Amino acid sequence: MYKVFIVDDEPFIIEGLYDAVDWQGFNLEIVGHAGNGRQALEKLKEVPADLLITDISMPVMTGLQLIAEARAVHPNLKVIILSGFDDFDYLKEAMRLGIENYLLKPINLEELEETLSATISKLNAVKASYLLDEYDMSVLKSNILYRWLTGKIREEELAERAALLGLSLDEPYVLVSVLRGQSVRLERVLRELAEQQEQVLYFVDDDGDFVVIFTMQDPELEKPRAIRQLRQIRERCYDEVISISLGSVEDLGEGRTDSYLHAKEAQEYFLVLQQPSYVDYVDIQQRKEETAKAFQLHWPDYAKAIAARNKEELFRQIDHDFASLRNTPGIVPGILHSAAVELIVRFKMELSDIQYSAAPDFLKRTLNGIVAAGAIDELISVIKAAVSDLVDALNSDVKSPVIQQILQHIHEAYHEDLSLKLLGAQYHIHPVYLGHLFHKETGETFAEYINRYRIEKAKELLRTTPLKVQDISKQVGYWETGYFYKQFKKFAGMSPGDFRGLL
């Protein structure tokens, strides 16, 4: 609801405005009033306001002076002027300051309401533009940081974008942490931490994980501090399940990629380590080394069979490797379980490059089965069942259940105000991740898809109804007719009028 502040030195004018307009019906709320400009300015320093309705001729400070001063406090403040004088000089100065209308007293209620309606449309457009800019910057930041961590950006481009986004990448060492959880509060907490500390950055990667980057001068002192900060983050998100993993401390240059990959790998061990407060890659190294001594799998054979969707070859390879493991002298159950976990984690890492949707369920279900397995044959059965489901999922090529829900939502509510931010909040998914996932699974950006769908609905209405173009524009979700014309021409290759003329 937008905030309105009223200023007039005639009390009956203020009282009349309170009663004459259905403010709530306009999505407006009067948050205060004053009898002169100076008093109004002091109150506006404390009160949020989107729209100022002010008399132009008042004692102490004129309405024109008030507008100029109030804009220093609220730069985007919209203004409607009331005046008992039809004075051209006043009007000219008011126009220079930028106003919505110059209304003469006694106030024409119909004209005031029309002005309010037009002003609200402008406020809505400014708000939508701001949210879009904020989202675009978030996407750009995520893209740049992801490419930096994976070594896919040129130094020149990195320097240019880092300066644009205010990213500090000057320290000699880096530690990457991965936080898995879909909490709206989590993102807010991370944003606050990044704003308070220049050496902390965060973004959302293509798996939907929150990636926190700690740049460091002295890792021995600063890594414990980073761990404390991560624990505090979880404490602040007390009502959410959040798993935290740490990569290795590396040189900020070439080593940053290793730190990120190690944090991602450590994240996959979270479910099998009895829910620790965090998983550090350093701590799982010994586990991996012990497993490697007993279990020398040839991963390229597995990767090749996954790419070919060859279930039989995968089963053959599993039988071969676990038969070798079974016959290893001195083998103990702990090594068997570790070997199974290592294999499934490698499957998960391979799967992340193929298909998002199957990965989380595949990992959780399989690791729980491994932990519960009491014999090697049972362990092999769990792995084979998981691999079978994996191949079936890849062969079916079904879209993520989340994207299926989003598409159904679009098809049913395309005429409503839709955005990745709104849908992300509704389905508890970070909007940046949702945007990546939507594009990956549909081949179009969210904006492209919804605009194309709306234009198809508009074509249908042009063919089957006598409705005016501006009415059709609103029915399919465009409140600005000019923007509707632009999108229609983009997707249909002609204007709505020309399209109807061909029918």
Protein backbone atom coordinates (compact mmCIF):
# COMPACT_ATOMS: atom_id res chain seq x y z
CA MET A 1 0.00 0.00 0.00
CA TYR A 2 1.46 3.39 -1.01
CA LYS A 3 1.84 6.17 1.57
CA VAL A 4 0.21 9.64 1.19
CA PHE A 5 1.07 12.84 3.07
CA ILE A 6 -1.27 15.87 2.89
CA VAL A 7 -0.28 19.51 3.48
CA ASP A 8 -2.67 22.49 3.57
CA ASP A 9 -3.04 25.49 5.83
CA GLU A 10 -6.84 25.14 5.73
CA PRO A 11 -7.91 22.33 8.13
CA PHE A 12 -11.25 21.77 6.40
CA ILE A 13 -9.39 20.93 3.15
CA ILE A 14 -7.40 18.21 4.94
CA GLU A 15 -10.51 16.85 6.65
CA GLY A 16 -12.39 16.90 3.37
CA LEU A 17 -9.64 14.92 1.60
CA TYR A 18 -9.65 12.30 4.36
CA ASP A 19 -13.40 11.73 3.84
CA ALA A 20 -13.93 12.38 0.13
CA VAL A 21 -11.65 9.69 -1.32
CA ASP A 22 -11.76 5.91 -0.88
CA TRP A 23 -8.01 5.78 -0.24
CA GLN A 24 -7.91 2.07 0.52
CA GLY A 25 -9.69 1.37 -2.76
CA PHE A 26 -6.78 3.07 -4.53
CA ASN A 27 -4.26 1.02 -2.51
CA LEU A 28 -3.29 4.23 -0.70
CA GLU A 29 -2.90 5.07 2.98
CA ILE A 30 -2.71 8.55 4.52
CA VAL A 31 0.25 8.48 6.91
CA GLY A 32 0.17 12.09 8.09
CA HIS A 33 -0.71 15.71 7.47
CA ALA A 34 0.60 19.19 8.29
CA GLY A 35 -0.60 22.79 8.24
CA ASN A 36 2.51 24.35 6.69
CA GLY A 37 5.55 23.40 4.65
CA ARG A 38 8.12 23.56 7.44
CA GLN A 39 6.07 21.29 9.71
CA ALA A 40 5.49 18.90 6.81
CA LEU A 41 9.20 18.71 5.97
CA GLU A 42 10.11 17.79 9.55
CA LYS A 43 7.49 15.04 9.61
CA LEU A 44 8.55 13.74 6.19
CA LYS A 45 12.05 13.16 7.54
CA GLU A 46 10.53 10.54 9.86
CA VAL A 47 7.53 9.28 7.87
CA PRO A 48 7.80 7.18 4.67
CA ALA A 49 5.84 8.75 1.80
CA ASP A 50 5.26 7.93 -1.85
CA LEU A 51 2.82 10.73 -2.70
CA LEU A 52 2.67 14.32 -1.44
CA ILE A 53 -0.54 16.31 -1.87
CA THR A 54 0.19 19.94 -1.01
CA ASP A 55 -1.23 23.40 -1.21
CA ILE A 56 1.05 25.77 -3.11
CA SER A 57 0.50 28.98 -1.12
CA MET A 58 1.17 28.52 2.62
CA PRO A 59 2.86 30.45 5.46
CA VAL A 60 6.41 29.63 6.69
CA MET A 61 7.28 27.59 3.57
CA THR A 62 5.51 27.51 0.21
CA GLY A 63 4.45 24.32 -1.50
CA LEU A 64 7.11 24.81 -4.17
CA GLN A 65 9.85 25.12 -1.53
CA LEU A 66 8.47 22.07 0.24
CA ILE A 67 8.59 19.99 -2.93
CA ALA A 68 12.24 20.87 -3.57
CA GLU A 69 13.23 20.11 0.06
CA ALA A 70 11.11 16.93 0.35
CA ARG A 71 12.68 15.48 -2.79
CA ALA A 72 16.04 15.55 -0.99
CA VAL A 73 14.48 13.22 1.61
CA HIS A 74 12.36 11.11 -0.76
CA PRO A 75 13.91 11.35 -4.28
CA ASN A 76 11.10 9.40 -5.97
CA LEU A 77 8.29 11.31 -4.27
CA LYS A 78 5.24 11.94 -6.50
CA VAL A 79 3.46 15.28 -6.03
CA ILE A 80 -0.06 16.62 -6.63
CA ILE A 81 -0.47 20.37 -6.15
CA LEU A 82 -3.62 22.07 -4.86
CA SER A 83 -4.09 25.80 -5.45
CA GLY A 84 -6.70 28.51 -5.15
CA PHE A 85 -4.90 30.48 -7.87
CA ASP A 86 -4.78 29.79 -11.58
CA ASP A 87 -1.31 31.36 -11.81
CA PHE A 88 0.84 30.58 -14.85
CA ASP A 89 4.14 31.31 -13.07
CA TYR A 90 3.23 28.91 -10.26
CA LEU A 91 2.24 26.28 -12.79
CA LYS A 92 5.46 26.72 -14.81
CA GLU A 93 7.65 26.34 -11.70
CA ALA A 94 5.63 23.32 -10.55
CA MET A 95 6.08 21.67 -13.94
CA ARG A 96 9.82 22.26 -13.69
CA LEU A 97 9.89 20.43 -10.36
CA GLY A 98 7.89 17.55 -11.81
CA ILE A 99 4.35 17.03 -10.60
CA GLU A 100 1.45 14.72 -11.43
CA ASN A 101 -1.20 17.46 -11.66
CA TYR A 102 -2.04 21.03 -10.67
CA LEU A 103 -5.60 21.01 -9.27
CA LEU A 104 -7.59 24.16 -8.61
CA LYS A 105 -9.76 24.62 -5.53
CA PRO A 106 -12.56 23.79 -5.02
CA ILE A 107 -11.22 20.37 -5.92
CA ASN A 108 -12.95 18.41 -8.66
CA LEU A 109 -13.20 14.96 -7.06
CA GLU A 110 -13.35 13.12 -10.39
CA GLU A 111 -10.20 14.84 -11.63
CA LEU A 112 -8.42 14.08 -8.34
CA GLU A 113 -9.31 10.39 -8.55
CA GLU A 114 -8.17 10.20 -12.17
CA THR A 115 -4.88 11.78 -11.11
CA LEU A 116 -4.51 9.32 -8.25
CA SER A 117 -5.13 6.40 -10.59
CA ALA A 118 -2.50 7.64 -13.06
CA THR A 119 -0.01 8.28 -10.24
CA ILE A 120 -0.46 4.76 -8.88
CA SER A 121 0.31 3.35 -12.33
CA LYS A 122 3.58 5.30 -12.34
CA LEU A 123 4.44 4.12 -8.82
CA ASN A 124 3.77 0.53 -9.86
CA ALA A 125 6.01 0.92 -12.90
CA VAL A 126 8.84 2.38 -10.79
CA LYS A 127 8.50 -0.45 -8.27
CA ALA A 128 8.53 -3.12 -10.98
CA SER A 129 11.56 -1.51 -12.60
CA TYR A 130 13.39 -1.44 -9.26
CA LEU A 131 12.66 -5.10 -8.57
CA LEU A 132 13.77 -6.05 -12.07
CA ASP A 133 17.01 -4.10 -11.69
CA GLU A 134 17.65 -5.76 -8.31
CA TYR A 135 16.98 -9.19 -9.81
CA ASP A 136 19.13 -8.48 -12.87
CA MET A 137 22.03 -7.42 -10.63
CA SER A 138 21.61 -10.58 -8.56
CA VAL A 139 21.68 -12.74 -11.70
CA LEU A 140 24.73 -10.90 -13.03
CA LYS A 141 26.56 -11.26 -9.72
CA SER A 142 25.74 -14.98 -9.51
CA ASN A 143 26.87 -15.48 -13.10
CA ILE A 144 30.18 -13.65 -12.61
CA LEU A 145 31.05 -15.35 -9.32
CA TYR A 146 30.11 -18.79 -10.66
CA ARG A 147 32.25 -18.31 -13.76
CA TRP A 148 35.09 -17.03 -11.58
CA LEU A 149 34.94 -20.05 -9.25
CA THR A 150 34.84 -22.47 -12.19
CA GLY A 151 37.61 -20.72 -14.16
CA LYS A 152 35.35 -19.70 -17.06
CA ILE A 153 35.90 -15.95 -17.17
CA ARG A 154 38.72 -13.88 -18.68
CA GLU A 155 40.73 -11.69 -16.31
CA GLU A 156 39.81 -8.52 -18.21
CA GLU A 157 36.08 -9.24 -18.00
CA LEU A 158 36.39 -10.21 -14.33
CA ALA A 159 38.13 -6.94 -13.45
CA GLU A 160 35.51 -4.91 -15.31
CA ARG A 161 32.51 -6.71 -13.79
CA ALA A 162 34.02 -6.82 -10.30
CA ALA A 163 34.40 -3.03 -10.39
CA LEU A 164 30.82 -2.65 -11.63
CA LEU A 165 29.38 -4.92 -8.92
CA GLY A 166 31.69 -3.82 -6.12
CA LEU A 167 33.20 -7.28 -5.65
CA SER A 168 36.34 -7.42 -3.49
CA LEU A 169 38.70 -10.16 -4.71
CA ASP A 170 42.03 -8.77 -3.50
CA GLU A 171 43.06 -11.08 -0.64
CA PRO A 172 45.63 -13.88 -1.26
CA TYR A 173 43.52 -16.82 0.02
CA VAL A 174 39.97 -18.09 -0.40
CA LEU A 175 37.69 -20.49 1.45
CA VAL A 176 34.43 -21.53 -0.20
CA SER A 177 31.44 -22.83 1.76
CA VAL A 178 28.24 -24.36 0.41
CA LEU A 179 24.95 -23.97 2.29
CA ARG A 180 22.04 -26.13 1.19
CA GLY A 181 18.57 -24.96 2.17
CA GLN A 182 15.67 -23.02 0.62
CA SER A 183 15.13 -20.47 3.39
CA VAL A 184 14.11 -16.93 2.48
CA ARG A 185 15.58 -15.93 5.83
CA LEU A 186 18.88 -17.58 4.86
CA GLU A 187 19.28 -15.32 1.86
CA ARG A 188 18.50 -12.25 3.96
CA VAL A 189 21.06 -13.25 6.60
CA LEU A 190 23.72 -13.86 3.94
CA ARG A 191 22.97 -10.53 2.30
CA GLU A 192 23.40 -8.74 5.64
CA LEU A 193 26.71 -10.52 6.27
CA ALA A 194 28.03 -9.64 2.80
CA GLU A 195 26.98 -6.00 3.26
CA GLN A 196 28.75 -5.79 6.63
CA GLN A 197 31.97 -7.54 5.58
CA GLU A 198 33.79 -6.76 2.35
CA GLN A 199 35.67 -10.07 2.47
CA VAL A 200 32.45 -12.13 2.33
CA LEU A 201 30.59 -12.74 -0.94
CA TYR A 202 27.70 -15.04 -1.73
CA PHE A 203 25.62 -16.19 -4.68
CA VAL A 204 23.30 -19.01 -5.72
CA ASP A 205 24.78 -21.60 -8.08
CA ASP A 206 23.09 -23.68 -10.76
CA ASP A 207 22.18 -26.39 -8.22
CA GLY A 208 20.30 -23.91 -6.06
CA ASP A 209 22.96 -24.02 -3.35
CA PHE A 210 24.06 -20.85 -1.56
CA VAL A 211 27.79 -20.43 -2.12
CA VAL A 212 29.63 -18.26 0.43
CA ILE A 213 33.12 -17.03 -0.44
CA PHE A 214 35.50 -15.93 2.31
CA THR A 215 38.58 -14.13 1.02
CA MET A 216 41.42 -14.19 3.58
CA GLN A 217 44.73 -12.65 4.53
CA ASP A 218 45.62 -15.12 7.29
CA PRO A 219 43.74 -18.46 7.02
CA GLU A 220 44.86 -19.74 10.44
CA LEU A 221 43.11 -16.84 12.13
CA GLU A 222 40.29 -16.24 9.68
CA LYS A 223 39.04 -19.78 8.97
CA PRO A 224 37.85 -20.28 12.60
CA ARG A 225 36.08 -16.92 12.35
CA ALA A 226 34.40 -18.00 9.11
CA ILE A 227 33.20 -21.21 10.81
CA ARG A 228 31.76 -19.19 13.70
CA GLN A 229 29.94 -16.94 11.23
CA LEU A 230 28.48 -19.95 9.40
CA ARG A 231 27.23 -21.42 12.69
CA GLN A 232 25.65 -18.07 13.55
CA ILE A 233 23.92 -18.09 10.17
CA ARG A 234 22.34 -21.44 10.97
CA GLU A 235 21.29 -20.22 14.42
CA ARG A 236 19.53 -17.23 12.88
CA CYS A 237 17.70 -19.60 10.50
CA TYR A 238 16.55 -21.74 13.41
CA ASP A 239 13.38 -22.99 11.72
CA GLU A 240 15.13 -24.30 8.60
CA VAL A 241 17.26 -27.38 7.93
CA ILE A 242 20.53 -26.05 6.52
CA SER A 243 23.57 -28.21 5.78
CA ILE A 244 26.95 -26.47 5.69
CA SER A 245 30.10 -27.74 4.00
CA LEU A 246 33.58 -26.23 3.75
CA GLY A 247 36.02 -26.55 0.89
CA SER A 248 39.77 -26.36 1.29
CA VAL A 249 41.66 -23.11 1.88
CA GLU A 250 43.35 -22.31 -1.40
CA ASP A 251 45.29 -19.63 -3.20
CA LEU A 252 42.81 -17.06 -4.53
CA GLY A 253 44.23 -17.42 -8.03
CA GLU A 254 44.29 -20.92 -9.46
CA GLY A 255 43.13 -22.66 -6.27
CA ARG A 256 39.69 -21.06 -6.02
CA THR A 257 38.16 -23.71 -8.30
CA ASP A 258 39.45 -26.50 -6.07
CA SER A 259 37.96 -24.86 -2.97
CA TYR A 260 34.53 -24.67 -4.62
CA LEU A 261 34.60 -28.24 -5.94
CA HIS A 262 35.76 -29.54 -2.55
CA ALA A 263 32.92 -27.70 -0.79
CA LYS A 264 30.42 -29.23 -3.22
CA GLU A 265 31.87 -32.69 -2.68
CA ALA A 266 31.92 -32.34 1.10
CA GLN A 267 28.23 -31.35 0.98
CA GLU A 268 27.34 -34.80 -0.33
CA TYR A 269 28.76 -36.49 2.78
CA PHE A 270 26.47 -34.56 5.10
CA LEU A 271 23.76 -37.22 5.22
CA VAL A 272 26.11 -40.05 6.19
CA LEU A 273 28.02 -38.32 8.98
CA GLN A 274 25.23 -38.29 11.59
CA GLN A 275 24.16 -34.68 10.91
CA PRO A 276 27.28 -32.76 12.02
CA SER A 277 27.17 -28.99 12.48
CA TYR A 278 29.24 -28.75 9.30
CA VAL A 279 31.34 -30.98 7.03
CA ASP A 280 34.90 -29.86 6.32
CA TYR A 281 36.64 -31.25 3.25
CA VAL A 282 39.82 -31.59 5.32
CA ASP A 283 38.02 -34.04 7.61
CA ILE A 284 36.77 -36.30 4.81
CA GLN A 285 40.21 -36.53 3.19
CA GLN A 286 41.35 -39.31 5.52
CA ARG A 287 38.13 -41.20 4.86
CA LYS A 288 38.65 -40.89 1.11
CA GLU A 289 42.28 -41.98 1.33
CA GLU A 290 41.42 -45.09 3.35
CA THR A 291 38.69 -45.99 0.89
CA ALA A 292 40.96 -45.42 -2.12
CA LYS A 293 43.52 -47.92 -0.81
CA ALA A 294 40.92 -50.69 -0.79
CA PHE A 295 38.66 -49.61 -3.62
CA GLN A 296 40.34 -48.71 -6.91
CA LEU A 297 37.33 -48.05 -9.16
CA HIS A 298 37.83 -46.97 -12.76
CA TRP A 299 35.45 -44.02 -12.94
CA PRO A 300 35.66 -43.34 -16.73
CA ASP A 301 33.90 -46.68 -17.34
CA TYR A 302 31.04 -45.60 -15.06
CA ALA A 303 30.82 -42.16 -16.64
CA LYS A 304 30.71 -43.65 -20.13
CA ALA A 305 27.90 -46.06 -19.14
CA ILE A 306 25.90 -43.21 -17.54
CA ALA A 307 26.22 -41.10 -20.69
CA ALA A 308 25.02 -44.09 -22.75
CA ARG A 309 22.14 -44.80 -20.30
CA ASN A 310 23.46 -48.40 -20.24
CA LYS A 311 21.99 -50.03 -17.15
CA GLU A 312 23.47 -53.49 -17.83
CA GLU A 313 27.01 -52.14 -18.17
CA LEU A 314 26.66 -50.20 -14.93
CA PHE A 315 25.45 -53.34 -13.13
CA ARG A 316 28.38 -55.33 -14.54
CA GLN A 317 30.88 -52.70 -13.36
CA ILE A 318 29.33 -52.57 -9.86
CA ASP A 319 29.46 -56.37 -9.54
CA HIS A 320 33.10 -56.41 -10.71
CA ASP A 321 34.32 -53.71 -8.34
CA PHE A 322 32.49 -54.97 -5.25
CA ALA A 323 33.60 -58.57 -5.96
CA SER A 324 37.18 -57.30 -5.88
CA LEU A 325 36.45 -55.39 -2.71
CA ARG A 326 34.80 -58.45 -1.07
CA ASN A 327 37.96 -60.50 -1.69
CA THR A 328 40.36 -57.88 -0.33
CA PRO A 329 42.22 -59.29 2.73
CA GLY A 330 41.34 -57.53 5.99
CA ILE A 331 38.30 -55.70 4.58
CA VAL A 332 35.99 -54.26 7.27
CA PRO A 333 32.34 -53.09 7.09
CA GLY A 334 33.35 -49.44 7.50
CA ILE A 335 35.40 -49.55 4.30
CA LEU A 336 32.53 -51.24 2.44
CA HIS A 337 30.11 -48.48 3.42
CA SER A 338 32.68 -45.80 2.62
CA ALA A 339 33.28 -47.33 -0.80
CA ALA A 340 29.54 -47.32 -1.50
CA VAL A 341 29.24 -43.70 -0.37
CA GLU A 342 32.22 -42.70 -2.50
CA LEU A 343 30.68 -44.34 -5.55
CA ILE A 344 27.27 -42.72 -5.02
CA VAL A 345 28.83 -39.29 -4.47
CA ARG A 346 30.68 -39.67 -7.78
CA PHE A 347 27.37 -40.59 -9.42
CA LYS A 348 25.79 -37.49 -7.91
CA MET A 349 28.57 -35.21 -9.17
CA GLU A 350 28.18 -36.69 -12.65
CA LEU A 351 24.41 -36.38 -12.46
CA SER A 352 24.58 -32.67 -11.64
CA ASP A 353 25.99 -32.05 -15.12
CA ILE A 354 23.15 -33.97 -16.77
CA GLN A 355 19.89 -33.27 -14.96
CA TYR A 356 19.02 -31.23 -11.87
CA SER A 357 15.73 -32.75 -10.84
CA ALA A 358 16.77 -36.35 -10.15
CA ALA A 359 19.89 -35.49 -8.16
CA PRO A 360 18.62 -34.58 -4.65
CA ASP A 361 16.17 -37.50 -4.31
CA PHE A 362 18.68 -39.91 -5.83
CA LEU A 363 21.35 -39.01 -3.29
CA LYS A 364 19.23 -38.85 -0.15
CA ARG A 365 17.32 -42.06 -0.83
CA THR A 366 20.48 -44.01 -1.72
CA LEU A 367 22.63 -42.81 1.17
CA ASN A 368 19.90 -43.71 3.65
CA GLY A 369 19.81 -47.18 2.11
CA ILE A 370 23.60 -47.53 2.35
CA VAL A 371 23.60 -46.57 6.03
CA ALA A 372 20.87 -49.13 6.75
CA ALA A 373 22.49 -51.98 4.75
CA GLY A 374 23.79 -54.80 6.97
CA ALA A 375 25.59 -56.96 4.39
CA ILE A 376 27.58 -56.46 1.19
CA ASP A 377 24.89 -58.11 -0.96
CA GLU A 378 22.31 -55.73 0.49
CA LEU A 379 24.70 -52.85 -0.16
CA ILE A 380 25.08 -53.86 -3.81
CA SER A 381 21.29 -54.15 -4.16
CA VAL A 382 20.83 -50.60 -2.84
CA ILE A 383 23.38 -49.23 -5.32
CA LYS A 384 21.87 -51.12 -8.25
CA ALA A 385 18.34 -49.99 -7.40
CA ALA A 386 19.53 -46.39 -7.28
CA VAL A 387 21.39 -46.72 -10.58
CA SER A 388 18.34 -48.32 -12.19
CA ASP A 389 16.12 -45.41 -11.08
CA LEU A 390 18.77 -42.98 -12.28
CA VAL A 391 18.90 -44.42 -15.79
CA ASP A 392 15.09 -44.57 -15.98
CA ALA A 393 14.87 -40.91 -14.95
CA LEU A 394 17.44 -39.86 -17.53
CA ASN A 395 15.70 -41.86 -20.27
CA SER A 396 12.27 -40.40 -19.47
CA ASP A 397 13.59 -36.83 -19.85
CA VAL A 398 10.73 -35.52 -17.69
CA LYS A 399 10.89 -31.93 -16.55
CA SER A 400 11.51 -31.12 -12.93
CA PRO A 401 8.31 -31.38 -10.84
CA VAL A 402 8.86 -27.78 -9.78
CA ILE A 403 9.00 -26.56 -13.38
CA GLN A 404 5.89 -28.59 -14.18
CA GLN A 405 4.08 -26.75 -11.38
CA ILE A 406 5.42 -23.38 -12.54
CA LEU A 407 4.28 -24.02 -16.13
CA GLN A 408 0.82 -25.05 -14.94
CA HIS A 409 0.67 -21.90 -12.81
CA ILE A 410 1.60 -19.74 -15.82
CA HIS A 411 -1.00 -21.40 -18.04
CA GLU A 412 -3.73 -20.80 -15.45
CA ALA A 413 -2.72 -17.32 -14.28
CA TYR A 414 -0.93 -15.78 -17.27
CA HIS A 415 -3.15 -12.68 -17.01
CA GLU A 416 -1.92 -11.95 -13.48
CA ASP A 417 1.25 -10.22 -12.30
CA LEU A 418 3.89 -12.97 -12.55
CA SER A 419 7.60 -12.80 -11.85
CA LEU A 420 10.40 -15.14 -10.80
CA LYS A 421 10.55 -13.30 -7.48
CA LEU A 422 6.86 -13.91 -6.75
CA LEU A 423 6.88 -17.53 -7.96
CA GLY A 424 10.14 -18.23 -6.13
CA ALA A 425 8.55 -17.06 -2.88
CA GLN A 426 5.41 -19.12 -3.53
CA TYR A 427 7.30 -22.33 -4.32
CA HIS A 428 10.14 -21.68 -1.83
CA ILE A 429 12.89 -21.50 -4.45
CA HIS A 430 15.50 -18.79 -4.87
CA PRO A 431 14.50 -16.71 -7.93
CA VAL A 432 17.99 -16.84 -9.46
CA TYR A 433 18.05 -20.64 -9.25
CA LEU A 434 14.48 -20.82 -10.54
CA GLY A 435 15.48 -18.68 -13.52
CA HIS A 436 18.43 -20.97 -14.33
CA LEU A 437 16.32 -24.11 -13.93
CA PHE A 438 13.46 -22.70 -16.02
CA HIS A 439 15.79 -21.82 -18.89
CA LYS A 440 17.58 -25.17 -18.70
CA GLU A 441 14.35 -27.17 -18.90
CA THR A 442 12.28 -25.06 -21.32
CA GLY A 443 14.99 -23.60 -23.55
CA GLU A 444 13.58 -20.10 -22.95
CA THR A 445 13.98 -17.46 -20.30
CA PHE A 446 11.01 -16.92 -17.99
CA ALA A 447 10.22 -13.58 -19.66
CA GLU A 448 10.40 -15.06 -23.17
CA TYR A 449 8.12 -17.95 -22.25
CA ILE A 450 5.42 -15.91 -20.54
CA ASN A 451 5.40 -13.21 -23.22
CA ARG A 452 5.11 -15.81 -25.97
CA TYR A 453 2.29 -17.58 -24.10
CA ARG A 454 0.42 -14.32 -23.52
CA ILE A 455 0.71 -13.31 -27.16
CA GLU A 456 -0.69 -16.69 -28.24
CA LYS A 457 -3.68 -16.05 -25.96
CA ALA A 458 -4.02 -12.56 -27.43
CA LYS A 459 -4.08 -14.01 -30.96
CA GLU A 460 -6.86 -16.35 -29.87
CA LEU A 461 -8.91 -13.41 -28.55
CA LEU A 462 -8.28 -11.39 -31.72
CA ARG A 463 -9.57 -14.32 -33.77
CA THR A 464 -12.62 -15.15 -31.67
CA THR A 465 -13.85 -11.92 -30.05
CA PRO A 466 -14.68 -8.33 -31.09
CA LEU A 467 -12.81 -6.94 -28.05
CA LYS A 468 -10.72 -3.80 -28.51
CA VAL A 469 -6.97 -4.22 -28.56
CA GLN A 470 -6.49 -2.35 -25.26
CA ASP A 471 -9.03 -4.65 -23.59
CA ILE A 472 -7.30 -7.74 -24.96
CA SER A 473 -3.99 -6.33 -23.71
CA LYS A 474 -5.33 -6.23 -20.14
CA GLN A 475 -7.00 -9.63 -20.38
CA VAL A 476 -3.71 -11.34 -21.21
CA GLY A 477 -1.72 -9.56 -18.52
CA TYR A 478 -0.40 -6.33 -20.09
CA TRP A 479 -1.50 -3.14 -18.36
CA GLU A 480 0.59 -0.95 -20.64
CA THR A 481 -0.88 -1.13 -24.15
CA GLY A 482 2.34 0.19 -25.69
CA TYR A 483 4.34 -2.67 -24.20
CA PHE A 484 1.69 -5.13 -25.45
CA TYR A 485 2.09 -3.78 -29.01
CA LYS A 486 5.86 -4.18 -28.75
CA GLN A 487 5.65 -7.80 -27.56
CA PHE A 488 2.95 -8.69 -30.09
CA LYS A 489 5.05 -7.43 -32.97
CA LYS A 490 8.09 -9.29 -31.61
CA PHE A 491 6.33 -12.67 -31.47
CA ALA A 492 3.76 -12.30 -34.26
CA GLY A 493 5.77 -10.20 -36.68
CA MET A 494 3.00 -7.61 -37.05
CA SER A 495 0.73 -5.33 -35.04
CA PRO A 496 -2.49 -6.64 -33.41
CA GLY A 497 -4.54 -4.58 -35.89
CA ASP A 498 -2.72 -6.05 -38.89
CA PHE A 499 -3.13 -9.54 -37.46
CA ARG A 500 -6.88 -9.06 -37.07
CA GLY A 501 -7.04 -7.59 -40.58
CA LEU A 502 -5.71 -10.85 -42.04
CA LEU A 503 -8.52 -12.91 -40.50
